[in-house]
Structures are given as structure tokens and as C-alpha cells.
Amino acid sequence: MVARAYTVAFDGIEARTVEVQCAVAPGLPAFNVVGLPDKAVTEAKERVRAALSSMAIALPSKRITINLSPADLPKEGSHFDLPIALALLAAIDIIPADQIESTVALGELSLDGKLIKVVGALPAAMTAAAEDRALLCPKACGAEAAWVGATQVLAAGTLTEVLQHYTGQNRLIAADPGEIERPPVVKDLREVKGQERAKRALEIAAAGRHHILMIGSPGSGKSMLAARLPGILPQMTAAEALETSMVHSLSGLLDDSGISRTRPFREPHHTASMPAIVGGGRGAKPGEISLAHNGVLFMDEFPEYNRSVLETLRQPIETGDVVVARANAHVRYPSRFMLVAAANPCKCGYMADPARACARVPQCGDDYLGRISGPLMDRFDLRIEVPPVAYSDLDLQESGESSETVAQRVQAARDIQTDRYADHPNARVNADIEGSLLEEVATPQPDAKNLLRTVAERFGLSARGYHRVLRVARTIADLEGSEHIEKPHIAEAVSYRILSAQQS
């Protein structure tokens, strides 16, 4: 007799079904796991043996073979412990074999039979729902997996509870979905003294999900501004929360309470490697650009990053996803993020300060910012200078509007875009529009179009730069509730582009 249980193996954010087959046959006592298991899966037999022993269940003195099918698919991770234990219990007639075949199971076993949290419960629940099966997982993963809502999620704390469920002694109760409430805004825009133009640029960037580069001397408030960006961003929609949480689930970043609708804010250090930013390493795991999907990727000291790391950002910025290709893995991750970069104007940072400028001005600034290639620079929709704050501004009790006030305008602009692109699945915000859709929704009025043409010829804007100005202008018009793109909208959008044209 061959008993079967089902689990998943992860290929990017996709969870592929794996059939766990267990055969108990006469012969010398042995316990073998086959089907391309990694070290963690191979060691599962010892954890399963100890867990069953803690429940006073002895393995038969026979030859036990566990096959993970399909055999040519690599199996990685400790979540194979529970399905192996289920298949083995069914093979020795302790639990009904037909019941476990209607369940997708995953979970790590401790030596005393407790179920330990594993990564990937959310993608596994999606696969279970697609195959019309229930999901059995550790209790710590229940709230996360139950958020899918399309399948029954059974969350158990120990292997004993699982055994009692399948033998009818004590049925497990379906887990309830959990959701982390949005945390209160701790870092408020009003705390930033001065820098009204930078605050306006952040509002536009948040409203249309535009990429922004801030250039300013040390201490001018670039990092402080970026840290307050989450306070003005709208919460993720249900679809966005599911997409982002699937990536975070694979990385083990979800809280026990379930998923969150707060947009991710990732800020890697400038010494981060290419696999850390783009994805890769053992198992081709998602990188920072995928962990920032539907959120913000803040890269401080932008020119200090390795040149090869910066250049790999160009394709994900355009396509919204990244393919991590390795010799033994080829996976695709979503990476539709908002890039916020901060840089000093030169190596010392005080090029614009007459009292501190070095003798190499302006060559020092050209050399430093020259580390950012022209094609990458061209992909920033907004580029602003963040000047030093005047000492008189530091004495102000209040400076500008609060994050709550700005967030309301951003949400209103996002609502306009949601309605506008309801019939266009590939576009959610103004930063996504292109081709005929761009011409349809972002065609400026005649006088505004003449201004844009004059500026494009004067500063030599590329075709990409021309279209990005139109997208920014569309966002500015949305913030004002205007149906048409007028001349002031183009003028403001162009003012955030001239800096890049002068530096490139």
C-alpha cells in the first residue's frame, strides 16, 4: 500500500504541488527520502521519528520509503516535515488515508511534536484553493493563510492535535484571517522645517507613484523627508496586499497576526550586494526590489552603491518585475516599487556652499553624480535640490501641513486614478500608463503642449523624459481635481525635470 499526502514546493511566488508518497515494505529497517530533497528535507526523517516517538508511536521494523513527486523538481525547506509525517501515519493505518489526500499540508516539526512556523503559507493556500483542497499548517501561519478566503485553513499547534483531528477525537477549527491595523503616523511631515518644494515633490510622487531623486548637502533633510513618506501613502488595496504578502511570506516577514495593508518601506544599506537588492542567492530568494513591491524602495547615498547594482534597477523600473536567472533556478518576482533616492551633490557634500566648497568645483560634482548613468537618471520622474535649511526656519514651531492633510489629497488623487484605469488591468496609477493610453488620458491643452515642446527642444529631453513629464503633469492635475492638463501643470512638471537635463 502506498499512502499519499500533498504539499508544495516554491518556484518564485508560485507554489507547485508535490505528492508525498510513503511505502512501507518488508526488508531491513530503513527510512529513506528520495525525489531531489535538500539537506533540510533529508533530515526530516529524524525529526519525524522523534516527534512520533514523543507520542508513543513506534515505527515498524520495515523498509520505509518516502518519494517526493515530481522527482525532478528540487525540494527545499523544513515545511516537508508535516506532510511526510501524515503520509507515514496513513501508511501504518493510524489515520485514514483518504482524508489526508484532500489536504495540502506544510509545517516543521520539533522533536517533541510541536508545529513550527514556516515560510510560504500564503502561496500554499492559493494553490490549495486552486485544487479545491484544504490547507493544514502550523497555528502561527493560520491567520496569514486564512486571508485567502477561498479554502478552509486548519491550523494546529502540535502533531497530536493533527492526529486527533483525523481520527475524529477533536476536530480542528478553521482559522480566522488576521490583519494588522495601520500603525499611527509617528513621523509627521510637519516636523520637517522648511523644504516646502521637497514636500510638494513627495506629495506628487506619492500620488502617482513616481520615482524621485533628492540631491542636497548633508543635513538638509533628505533622509528625514523620505522617512515620512509612508505617512502620506494610501493603504494597499486587497489585490495589492495579497501580491505583496505572497513575496513577504516567502521571505518569512509576515507577522503572526496576518498580512498588512501598510505599504512596505525598504531601505537597504549602500553596501548591499546585487543578490540582496535584485534577488538570488540560495534558492533564488526575492531581493529588496521585490520586498518593496507596491511600496517604497529608499536608497540613501545613491551614488555609493555598486555601479552594477544600480544598473540592474533599470529593467525592473520599466517592466515592474524581475527575473532571477541562476544555473539551477529561473524565477520571476513582481517588483513594481517607487524608487526614492538621495544623494549628496559631490563627495564632500558641500559643493553648493560657498564657505565650504572645495577647489575642484564643479568637477567634483560631475564626477560624483556621474556614477549614476544617464539611462538610469532618465528614469527618475522628479529630481529636486534639497538646499540647507535656514537657521530661522529651525525656530518655527510648525512648518507646513501635517502628513494627515497631505495624505487626504494623495488618497483623493489615487481614487481618481483607480476609477480612470478600472478597465486597464496593466495600469493602476499614472506612472504605469504608456502608449495609446498615455495619449488618451495625458494629452495637454494646446498652450501647455507648446510649452512642453519648447522645453523638450531647449533641454534635449529624451522620448522617455517627454512621456514622464506628461505622467507627472497628469498627477499634478489629479491632485487639483482638474480633468485637463493645463499650462501650469506642465510648467511644474517640467521644473522637476530641468535639473536632470542640466546634469546629464
Protein backbone atom coordinates (compact mmCIF):
# COMPACT_ATOMS: atom_id res chain seq x y z
CA MET A 1 0.00 0.00 0.00
CA VAL A 2 1.21 3.49 -0.88
CA ALA A 3 -0.18 6.37 1.19
CA ARG A 4 -0.24 9.88 -0.28
CA ALA A 5 -0.15 13.35 1.23
CA TYR A 6 0.20 16.66 -0.56
CA THR A 7 2.35 19.74 -0.02
CA VAL A 8 4.05 22.40 -2.17
CA ALA A 9 7.47 23.37 -3.47
CA PHE A 10 8.14 27.03 -4.18
CA ASP A 11 9.15 28.38 -7.59
CA GLY A 12 9.33 32.13 -7.10
CA ILE A 13 5.96 33.21 -5.68
CA GLU A 14 4.33 30.20 -7.32
CA ALA A 15 3.67 27.15 -5.14
CA ARG A 16 3.80 23.90 -7.13
CA THR A 17 2.00 20.83 -5.82
CA VAL A 18 4.17 17.98 -4.57
CA GLU A 19 2.78 14.49 -3.89
CA VAL A 20 4.39 12.83 -0.86
CA GLN A 21 4.23 9.08 -1.32
CA CYS A 22 5.03 6.67 1.51
CA ALA A 23 5.55 2.92 1.10
CA VAL A 24 6.22 0.52 3.99
CA ALA A 25 7.61 -2.78 2.71
CA PRO A 26 9.27 -5.85 4.22
CA GLY A 27 13.04 -5.79 4.45
CA LEU A 28 15.86 -4.47 6.57
CA PRO A 29 14.74 -1.48 8.69
CA ALA A 30 15.44 1.76 6.80
CA PHE A 31 13.96 5.22 6.36
CA ASN A 32 14.81 6.88 3.03
CA VAL A 33 13.62 10.13 1.41
CA VAL A 34 14.01 10.39 -2.37
CA GLY A 35 12.92 12.90 -5.02
CA LEU A 36 15.66 15.57 -5.08
CA PRO A 37 15.44 16.59 -1.39
CA ASP A 38 17.86 19.14 0.03
CA LYS A 39 19.61 18.70 3.37
CA ALA A 40 16.67 20.08 5.39
CA VAL A 41 14.24 17.67 3.71
CA THR A 42 16.58 14.70 4.15
CA GLU A 43 16.87 15.45 7.87
CA ALA A 44 13.07 15.47 8.15
CA LYS A 45 13.07 11.73 8.76
CA GLU A 46 14.89 12.22 12.08
CA ARG A 47 12.51 14.97 13.20
CA VAL A 48 9.51 12.86 12.21
CA ARG A 49 10.89 9.82 14.01
CA ALA A 50 11.48 11.79 17.23
CA ALA A 51 8.08 13.53 17.06
CA LEU A 52 6.26 10.22 16.65
CA SER A 53 8.31 8.72 19.49
CA SER A 54 7.20 11.57 21.77
CA MET A 55 3.60 10.48 21.03
CA ALA A 56 4.43 6.85 21.89
CA ILE A 57 4.16 5.80 18.23
CA ALA A 58 6.92 3.42 17.18
CA LEU A 59 7.89 2.98 13.56
CA PRO A 60 7.63 -0.57 12.19
CA SER A 61 10.84 -2.53 11.68
CA LYS A 62 10.44 -2.40 7.92
CA ARG A 63 11.76 -0.52 4.93
CA ILE A 64 10.12 2.95 4.78
CA THR A 65 10.48 4.91 1.54
CA ILE A 66 9.26 8.48 1.06
CA ASN A 67 9.10 9.72 -2.54
CA LEU A 68 8.53 13.40 -3.35
CA SER A 69 6.86 13.61 -6.75
CA PRO A 70 7.61 15.03 -9.28
CA ALA A 71 11.04 13.58 -8.65
CA ASP A 72 12.88 16.03 -10.94
CA LEU A 73 11.67 19.14 -9.03
CA PRO A 74 14.12 20.31 -6.34
CA LYS A 75 12.60 20.21 -2.83
CA GLU A 76 13.86 22.73 -0.28
CA GLY A 77 12.78 23.71 3.21
CA SER A 78 11.62 22.27 6.51
CA HIS A 79 7.91 22.53 5.65
CA PHE A 80 8.02 18.96 4.26
CA ASP A 81 8.10 17.56 7.84
CA LEU A 82 4.33 17.57 8.37
CA PRO A 83 3.28 16.01 5.03
CA ILE A 84 5.92 13.29 5.46
CA ALA A 85 4.56 12.55 8.92
CA LEU A 86 0.98 12.43 7.57
CA ALA A 87 1.88 10.06 4.74
CA LEU A 88 3.74 7.81 7.18
CA LEU A 89 0.85 7.75 9.68
CA ALA A 90 -1.55 6.85 6.88
CA ALA A 91 0.77 4.11 5.61
CA ILE A 92 0.81 2.41 9.01
CA ASP A 93 -3.00 2.76 9.32
CA ILE A 94 -3.10 5.23 12.19
CA ILE A 95 -5.07 7.88 10.29
CA PRO A 96 -7.41 7.42 7.29
CA ALA A 97 -5.52 7.71 4.01
CA ASP A 98 -8.45 9.19 2.10
CA GLN A 99 -8.76 12.19 4.44
CA ILE A 100 -5.20 13.45 4.11
CA GLU A 101 -5.44 13.30 0.31
CA SER A 102 -7.93 16.16 0.41
CA THR A 103 -5.45 18.40 2.25
CA VAL A 104 -2.32 20.36 1.37
CA ALA A 105 -0.03 20.31 4.41
CA LEU A 106 3.11 22.17 5.38
CA GLY A 107 4.90 22.68 8.67
CA GLU A 108 8.12 21.99 10.52
CA LEU A 109 8.17 19.51 13.40
CA SER A 110 10.09 19.94 16.61
CA LEU A 111 11.38 16.83 18.38
CA ASP A 112 8.51 16.92 20.88
CA GLY A 113 5.84 17.12 18.15
CA LYS A 114 5.14 20.86 18.13
CA LEU A 115 4.46 22.53 14.78
CA ILE A 116 6.81 25.40 13.99
CA LYS A 117 6.02 28.31 11.69
CA VAL A 118 7.36 28.06 8.13
CA VAL A 119 7.51 30.47 5.20
CA GLY A 120 5.18 30.36 2.22
CA ALA A 121 1.81 29.64 3.88
CA LEU A 122 0.05 32.27 1.78
CA PRO A 123 1.16 30.96 -1.66
CA ALA A 124 0.42 27.41 -0.41
CA ALA A 125 -3.13 28.47 0.48
CA MET A 126 -3.58 29.88 -3.02
CA THR A 127 -2.50 26.56 -4.53
CA ALA A 128 -4.74 24.60 -2.17
CA ALA A 129 -7.71 26.76 -3.16
CA ALA A 130 -6.98 26.25 -6.86
CA GLU A 131 -7.02 22.46 -6.35
CA ASP A 132 -10.10 22.52 -4.11
CA ARG A 133 -8.19 21.20 -1.09
CA ALA A 134 -7.98 22.37 2.50
CA LEU A 135 -4.72 23.68 3.96
CA LEU A 136 -3.15 22.24 7.12
CA CYS A 137 -0.43 24.40 8.65
CA PRO A 138 1.09 25.45 12.00
CA LYS A 139 -1.04 27.68 14.21
CA ALA A 140 1.37 30.58 13.74
CA CYS A 141 0.66 30.53 9.98
CA GLY A 142 -3.12 30.25 10.26
CA ALA A 143 -4.05 33.94 10.23
CA GLU A 144 -1.78 34.57 7.26
CA ALA A 145 -3.09 31.67 5.16
CA ALA A 146 -6.76 32.23 6.05
CA TRP A 147 -6.63 35.66 4.43
CA VAL A 148 -7.01 33.97 1.03
CA GLY A 149 -10.58 33.11 2.00
CA ALA A 150 -11.10 30.63 -0.85
CA THR A 151 -10.23 27.48 1.07
CA GLN A 152 -10.52 26.05 4.58
CA VAL A 153 -7.39 26.60 6.67
CA LEU A 154 -6.76 24.21 9.57
CA ALA A 155 -4.10 25.48 11.98
CA ALA A 156 -2.69 23.10 14.58
CA GLY A 157 -0.22 23.64 17.38
CA THR A 158 1.08 20.08 17.66
CA LEU A 159 1.15 16.82 15.74
CA THR A 160 -1.10 15.36 18.44
CA GLU A 161 -3.82 17.84 17.50
CA VAL A 162 -3.47 16.79 13.86
CA LEU A 163 -3.77 13.13 14.82
CA GLN A 164 -6.89 13.80 16.92
CA HIS A 165 -8.43 15.75 14.04
CA TYR A 166 -8.04 12.94 11.50
CA THR A 167 -9.17 10.25 13.94
CA GLY A 168 -12.29 12.25 14.84
CA GLN A 169 -11.42 12.75 18.51
CA ASN A 170 -11.14 16.55 18.40
CA ARG A 171 -11.73 18.40 15.14
CA LEU A 172 -9.62 21.46 14.35
CA ILE A 173 -11.48 24.75 13.97
CA ALA A 174 -10.91 26.72 10.77
CA ALA A 175 -8.51 29.61 11.27
CA ASP A 176 -9.75 33.19 11.00
CA PRO A 177 -7.94 35.68 8.77
CA GLY A 178 -5.94 38.32 10.56
CA GLU A 179 -4.89 41.77 9.51
CA ILE A 180 -2.51 44.15 11.18
CA GLU A 181 -4.05 47.56 11.76
CA ARG A 182 -2.35 50.51 10.18
CA PRO A 183 0.08 51.94 12.73
CA PRO A 184 -0.37 55.59 13.71
CA VAL A 185 1.75 58.13 11.89
CA VAL A 186 4.73 58.70 14.14
CA LYS A 187 6.92 60.67 11.74
CA ASP A 188 4.96 63.68 10.52
CA LEU A 189 5.84 65.96 7.61
CA ARG A 190 5.22 68.94 9.86
CA GLU A 191 8.37 68.02 11.78
CA VAL A 192 10.47 68.88 8.70
CA LYS A 193 11.32 72.55 8.90
CA GLY A 194 11.23 74.41 5.61
CA GLN A 195 11.76 72.36 2.40
CA GLU A 196 8.28 73.16 1.07
CA ARG A 197 9.30 72.39 -2.51
CA ALA A 198 10.65 68.99 -1.49
CA LYS A 199 7.43 68.25 0.41
CA ARG A 200 5.41 69.15 -2.68
CA ALA A 201 7.54 66.82 -4.78
CA LEU A 202 6.99 63.99 -2.28
CA GLU A 203 3.24 64.57 -2.47
CA ILE A 204 3.29 64.31 -6.27
CA ALA A 205 5.49 61.22 -6.14
CA ALA A 206 3.14 59.53 -3.66
CA ALA A 207 0.03 60.42 -5.65
CA GLY A 208 1.27 58.92 -8.92
CA ARG A 209 3.95 56.50 -7.69
CA HIS A 210 6.69 58.43 -9.45
CA HIS A 211 10.40 57.82 -8.88
CA ILE A 212 12.17 60.72 -7.21
CA LEU A 213 15.80 61.73 -6.66
CA MET A 214 16.73 64.23 -3.93
CA ILE A 215 20.11 65.97 -4.18
CA GLY A 216 21.33 68.08 -1.28
CA SER A 217 24.11 68.72 1.17
CA PRO A 218 24.44 66.62 4.34
CA GLY A 219 21.90 67.52 7.00
CA SER A 220 19.47 69.22 4.63
CA GLY A 221 16.72 66.70 5.45
CA LYS A 222 16.71 64.17 2.58
CA SER A 223 16.51 61.09 4.79
CA MET A 224 14.09 62.84 7.11
CA LEU A 225 11.75 63.57 4.20
CA ALA A 226 11.94 60.01 2.89
CA ALA A 227 11.19 58.56 6.33
CA ARG A 228 7.92 60.49 6.37
CA LEU A 229 6.77 59.21 3.01
CA PRO A 230 4.88 56.18 4.47
CA GLY A 231 2.69 58.60 6.41
CA ILE A 232 1.18 60.07 3.23
CA LEU A 233 0.85 56.89 1.17
CA PRO A 234 -2.62 55.30 0.89
CA GLN A 235 -3.18 51.80 2.19
CA MET A 236 -2.86 48.94 -0.27
CA THR A 237 -5.95 47.54 -1.94
CA ALA A 238 -6.89 43.92 -1.25
CA ALA A 239 -5.25 42.79 -4.50
CA GLU A 240 -2.05 44.73 -3.78
CA ALA A 241 -1.90 43.42 -0.20
CA LEU A 242 -2.18 39.86 -1.48
CA GLU A 243 0.57 40.33 -4.09
CA THR A 244 2.97 41.93 -1.62
CA SER A 245 2.22 39.48 1.17
CA MET A 246 2.96 36.49 -1.07
CA VAL A 247 6.50 37.82 -1.55
CA HIS A 248 6.86 38.60 2.16
CA SER A 249 5.50 35.17 3.05
CA LEU A 250 8.29 33.51 1.07
CA SER A 251 10.80 35.63 2.99
CA GLY A 252 9.25 34.94 6.41
CA LEU A 253 8.44 38.60 7.04
CA LEU A 254 4.74 38.29 7.87
CA ASP A 255 3.58 38.75 11.45
CA ASP A 256 1.61 36.02 13.24
CA SER A 257 -1.46 38.27 13.15
CA GLY A 258 -1.71 38.03 9.37
CA ILE A 259 -0.97 40.32 6.48
CA SER A 260 -0.86 44.11 6.47
CA ARG A 261 -2.23 46.75 4.12
CA THR A 262 0.54 49.18 5.05
CA ARG A 263 2.82 49.72 2.07
CA PRO A 264 6.33 48.32 2.56
CA PHE A 265 9.20 50.74 3.07
CA ARG A 266 12.58 49.15 2.39
CA GLU A 267 15.87 50.99 2.94
CA PRO A 268 18.90 48.78 2.15
CA HIS A 269 22.40 49.93 3.04
CA HIS A 270 24.61 51.15 0.19
CA THR A 271 26.95 48.18 0.74
CA ALA A 272 24.18 45.71 -0.17
CA SER A 273 25.12 43.15 -2.82
CA MET A 274 23.34 42.55 -6.11
CA PRO A 275 21.55 39.37 -4.89
CA ALA A 276 20.36 41.30 -1.84
CA ILE A 277 18.88 44.08 -4.00
CA VAL A 278 17.66 42.16 -7.05
CA GLY A 279 17.21 38.67 -5.61
CA GLY A 280 19.14 35.44 -5.81
CA GLY A 281 21.41 33.51 -3.51
CA ARG A 282 20.44 30.08 -2.26
CA GLY A 283 17.04 29.20 -3.69
CA ALA A 284 16.86 32.45 -5.75
CA LYS A 285 15.04 34.31 -2.96
CA PRO A 286 13.39 37.70 -3.58
CA GLY A 287 15.52 40.81 -3.15
CA GLU A 288 14.78 44.29 -1.84
CA ILE A 289 13.12 45.46 -5.05
CA SER A 290 10.57 42.65 -4.75
CA LEU A 291 10.11 43.11 -1.00
CA ALA A 292 9.26 46.75 -1.84
CA HIS A 293 6.56 45.68 -4.34
CA ASN A 294 3.63 48.14 -4.17
CA GLY A 295 5.67 50.21 -1.72
CA VAL A 296 8.82 52.31 -1.45
CA LEU A 297 12.48 51.45 -2.02
CA PHE A 298 14.58 54.15 -0.38
CA MET A 299 18.24 54.16 -1.42
CA ASP A 300 20.26 56.68 0.57
CA GLU A 301 23.76 57.65 -0.61
CA PHE A 302 22.66 56.57 -4.08
CA PRO A 303 25.98 57.10 -5.94
CA GLU A 304 27.79 55.00 -3.31
CA TYR A 305 26.05 51.80 -4.44
CA ASN A 306 27.99 49.49 -6.68
CA ARG A 307 27.59 50.52 -10.32
CA SER A 308 26.40 47.05 -11.37
CA VAL A 309 23.73 47.13 -8.63
CA LEU A 310 22.39 50.48 -9.84
CA GLU A 311 22.26 49.38 -13.46
CA THR A 312 20.19 46.31 -12.61
CA LEU A 313 17.41 48.65 -11.43
CA ARG A 314 16.75 49.92 -14.93
CA GLN A 315 14.79 46.94 -16.26
CA PRO A 316 12.58 46.37 -13.16
CA ILE A 317 11.69 50.06 -13.14
CA GLU A 318 10.35 49.73 -16.69
CA THR A 319 8.75 46.27 -16.58
CA GLY A 320 7.51 46.02 -12.99
CA ASP A 321 9.01 42.57 -12.42
CA VAL A 322 12.41 40.90 -12.26
CA VAL A 323 13.62 37.51 -13.47
CA VAL A 324 16.25 35.93 -11.24
CA ALA A 325 18.14 33.54 -13.50
CA ARG A 326 20.61 31.10 -11.98
CA ALA A 327 22.07 27.81 -13.16
CA ASN A 328 19.58 25.82 -11.08
CA ALA A 329 16.74 28.34 -10.79
CA HIS A 330 14.80 30.67 -13.07
CA VAL A 331 12.10 32.54 -11.18
CA ARG A 332 10.09 35.72 -11.68
CA TYR A 333 9.17 38.12 -8.87
CA PRO A 334 6.97 41.23 -9.01
CA SER A 335 8.83 44.48 -8.38
CA ARG A 336 6.55 47.44 -9.03
CA PHE A 337 8.01 49.84 -6.49
CA MET A 338 8.51 53.58 -6.05
CA LEU A 339 12.22 54.41 -6.03
CA VAL A 340 13.25 57.22 -3.71
CA ALA A 341 16.95 58.04 -3.98
CA ALA A 342 19.03 60.55 -2.03
CA ALA A 343 22.47 61.82 -2.93
CA ASN A 344 24.96 64.48 -1.95
CA PRO A 345 25.92 66.92 -4.72
CA CYS A 346 29.57 65.83 -4.51
CA LYS A 347 31.88 63.60 -2.50
CA CYS A 348 32.30 66.05 0.38
CA GLY A 349 28.68 67.17 0.08
CA TYR A 350 29.19 70.92 0.22
CA MET A 351 29.63 71.86 -3.42
CA ALA A 352 26.87 74.49 -3.28
CA ASP A 353 28.13 76.02 -0.02
CA PRO A 354 30.47 78.97 -0.80
CA ALA A 355 32.02 78.77 2.66
CA ARG A 356 32.99 75.11 2.29
CA ALA A 357 33.27 74.41 -1.43
CA CYS A 358 36.47 72.68 -2.47
CA ALA A 359 38.85 73.79 -5.20
CA ARG A 360 37.57 71.12 -7.60
CA VAL A 361 34.11 72.69 -8.09
CA PRO A 362 32.28 71.90 -10.36
CA GLN A 363 34.33 68.90 -11.49
CA CYS A 364 33.92 67.15 -8.13
CA GLY A 365 30.12 67.22 -8.51
CA ASP A 366 30.23 65.99 -12.09
CA ASP A 367 32.48 63.09 -11.11
CA TYR A 368 30.36 62.10 -8.12
CA LEU A 369 26.91 62.25 -9.71
CA GLY A 370 28.45 60.81 -12.86
CA ARG A 371 28.38 57.45 -11.07
CA ILE A 372 24.66 57.46 -11.89
CA SER A 373 24.41 56.60 -15.56
CA GLY A 374 22.36 58.68 -17.97
CA PRO A 375 19.82 55.91 -18.72
CA LEU A 376 19.18 55.40 -15.00
CA MET A 377 18.99 59.15 -14.34
CA ASP A 378 16.45 59.42 -17.16
CA ARG A 379 14.11 57.05 -15.31
CA PHE A 380 13.54 59.44 -12.40
CA ASP A 381 10.29 61.32 -12.88
CA LEU A 382 11.13 64.01 -10.35
CA ARG A 383 14.52 65.39 -9.47
CA ILE A 384 14.85 68.08 -6.86
CA GLU A 385 17.50 70.01 -4.99
CA VAL A 386 17.19 69.99 -1.21
CA PRO A 387 19.05 73.11 -0.01
CA PRO A 388 20.33 73.58 3.54
CA VAL A 389 17.66 74.71 5.99
CA ALA A 390 17.90 78.32 7.13
CA TYR A 391 18.56 78.74 10.84
CA SER A 392 15.48 80.96 11.09
CA ASP A 393 13.32 78.05 9.89
CA LEU A 394 14.61 75.82 12.67
CA ASP A 395 12.95 78.09 15.25
CA LEU A 396 9.49 77.65 13.72
CA GLN A 397 7.03 75.77 15.92
CA GLU A 398 5.16 74.44 12.90
CA SER A 399 6.26 74.08 9.31
CA GLY A 400 3.73 73.37 6.59
CA GLU A 401 0.92 70.85 6.56
CA SER A 402 0.65 67.64 8.53
CA SER A 403 1.03 64.22 6.98
CA GLU A 404 -2.68 63.56 7.56
CA THR A 405 -3.68 66.57 5.46
CA VAL A 406 -1.34 65.65 2.63
CA ALA A 407 -2.42 62.01 2.79
CA GLN A 408 -6.04 63.04 2.16
CA ARG A 409 -5.07 64.79 -1.08
CA VAL A 410 -2.94 61.82 -2.13
CA GLN A 411 -5.81 59.43 -1.46
CA ALA A 412 -8.22 61.60 -3.48
CA ALA A 413 -5.79 61.60 -6.43
CA ARG A 414 -5.33 57.83 -6.17
CA ASP A 415 -9.13 57.36 -6.16
CA ILE A 416 -9.34 59.33 -9.41
CA GLN A 417 -6.70 57.09 -10.97
CA THR A 418 -8.39 53.92 -9.72
CA ASP A 419 -11.63 54.92 -11.44
CA ARG A 420 -9.85 56.03 -14.61
CA TYR A 421 -7.89 52.79 -15.05
CA ALA A 422 -10.60 50.39 -13.86
CA ASP A 423 -10.77 48.82 -17.34
CA HIS A 424 -6.99 48.69 -17.80
CA PRO A 425 -5.51 45.82 -15.73
CA ASN A 426 -1.90 46.80 -16.52
CA ALA A 427 -2.30 50.35 -15.17
CA ARG A 428 -3.11 51.29 -11.60
CA VAL A 429 -1.50 54.71 -11.25
CA ASN A 430 -0.25 57.41 -13.61
CA ALA A 431 3.30 56.03 -13.53
CA ASP A 432 2.05 52.89 -15.31
CA ILE A 433 0.40 54.48 -18.35
CA GLU A 434 2.05 54.24 -21.75
CA GLY A 435 1.30 54.03 -25.45
CA SER A 436 -2.23 54.83 -26.60
CA LEU A 437 -3.48 55.06 -23.02
CA LEU A 438 -0.95 57.82 -22.31
CA GLU A 439 -2.15 59.74 -25.34
CA GLU A 440 -5.75 59.28 -24.26
CA VAL A 441 -5.50 60.48 -20.66
CA ALA A 442 -2.44 62.76 -20.66
CA THR A 443 -2.78 64.91 -23.78
CA PRO A 444 -2.21 68.51 -22.63
CA GLN A 445 -4.13 71.56 -23.78
CA PRO A 446 -2.68 73.37 -26.86
CA ASP A 447 -0.82 76.09 -24.93
CA ALA A 448 0.53 73.51 -22.46
CA LYS A 449 1.65 71.29 -25.33
CA ASN A 450 3.51 74.20 -26.95
CA LEU A 451 5.32 74.86 -23.67
CA LEU A 452 6.33 71.21 -23.34
CA ARG A 453 7.60 71.11 -26.94
CA THR A 454 9.67 74.25 -26.36
CA VAL A 455 11.21 72.85 -23.17
CA ALA A 456 11.92 69.48 -24.80
CA GLU A 457 13.80 71.16 -27.65
CA ARG A 458 15.62 73.60 -25.36
CA PHE A 459 16.88 70.99 -22.87
CA GLY A 460 17.05 67.98 -25.18
CA LEU A 461 14.59 65.75 -23.34
CA SER A 462 14.56 62.14 -24.46
CA ALA A 463 11.33 60.48 -25.58
CA ARG A 464 11.21 58.76 -22.19
CA GLY A 465 11.71 62.08 -20.42
CA TYR A 466 8.97 63.68 -22.55
CA HIS A 467 6.48 60.98 -21.60
CA ARG A 468 7.46 61.08 -17.95
CA VAL A 469 6.78 64.80 -17.83
CA LEU A 470 3.29 64.08 -19.19
CA ARG A 471 2.70 61.46 -16.48
CA VAL A 472 3.81 63.84 -13.73
CA ALA A 473 1.63 66.60 -15.17
CA ARG A 474 -1.32 64.18 -15.16
CA THR A 475 -0.71 63.53 -11.47
CA ILE A 476 -0.48 67.25 -10.67
CA ALA A 477 -3.80 67.77 -12.46
CA ASP A 478 -5.35 64.92 -10.47
CA LEU A 479 -4.18 66.49 -7.20
CA GLU A 480 -6.01 69.67 -8.22
CA GLY A 481 -9.06 67.76 -9.44
CA SER A 482 -8.59 69.02 -12.99
CA GLU A 483 -9.81 66.94 -15.90
CA HIS A 484 -7.40 68.51 -18.38
CA ILE A 485 -3.66 69.12 -18.24
CA GLU A 486 -3.17 72.87 -18.27
CA LYS A 487 -0.09 75.02 -18.79
CA PRO A 488 0.69 75.42 -15.03
CA HIS A 489 0.65 71.61 -14.64
CA ILE A 490 3.21 71.21 -17.44
CA ALA A 491 5.31 74.07 -16.06
CA GLU A 492 5.53 72.47 -12.61
CA ALA A 493 6.23 69.01 -14.04
CA VAL A 494 9.00 70.43 -16.23
CA SER A 495 10.56 72.21 -13.25
CA TYR A 496 11.25 68.80 -11.70
CA ARG A 497 12.91 67.62 -14.93
CA ILE A 498 15.24 70.51 -15.82
CA LEU A 499 17.69 69.53 -13.10
CA SER A 500 18.25 66.13 -14.72
CA ALA A 501 18.61 67.66 -18.15
CA GLN A 502 21.29 70.06 -16.88
CA GLN A 503 23.24 67.29 -15.18
CA SER A 504 23.07 64.66 -17.91
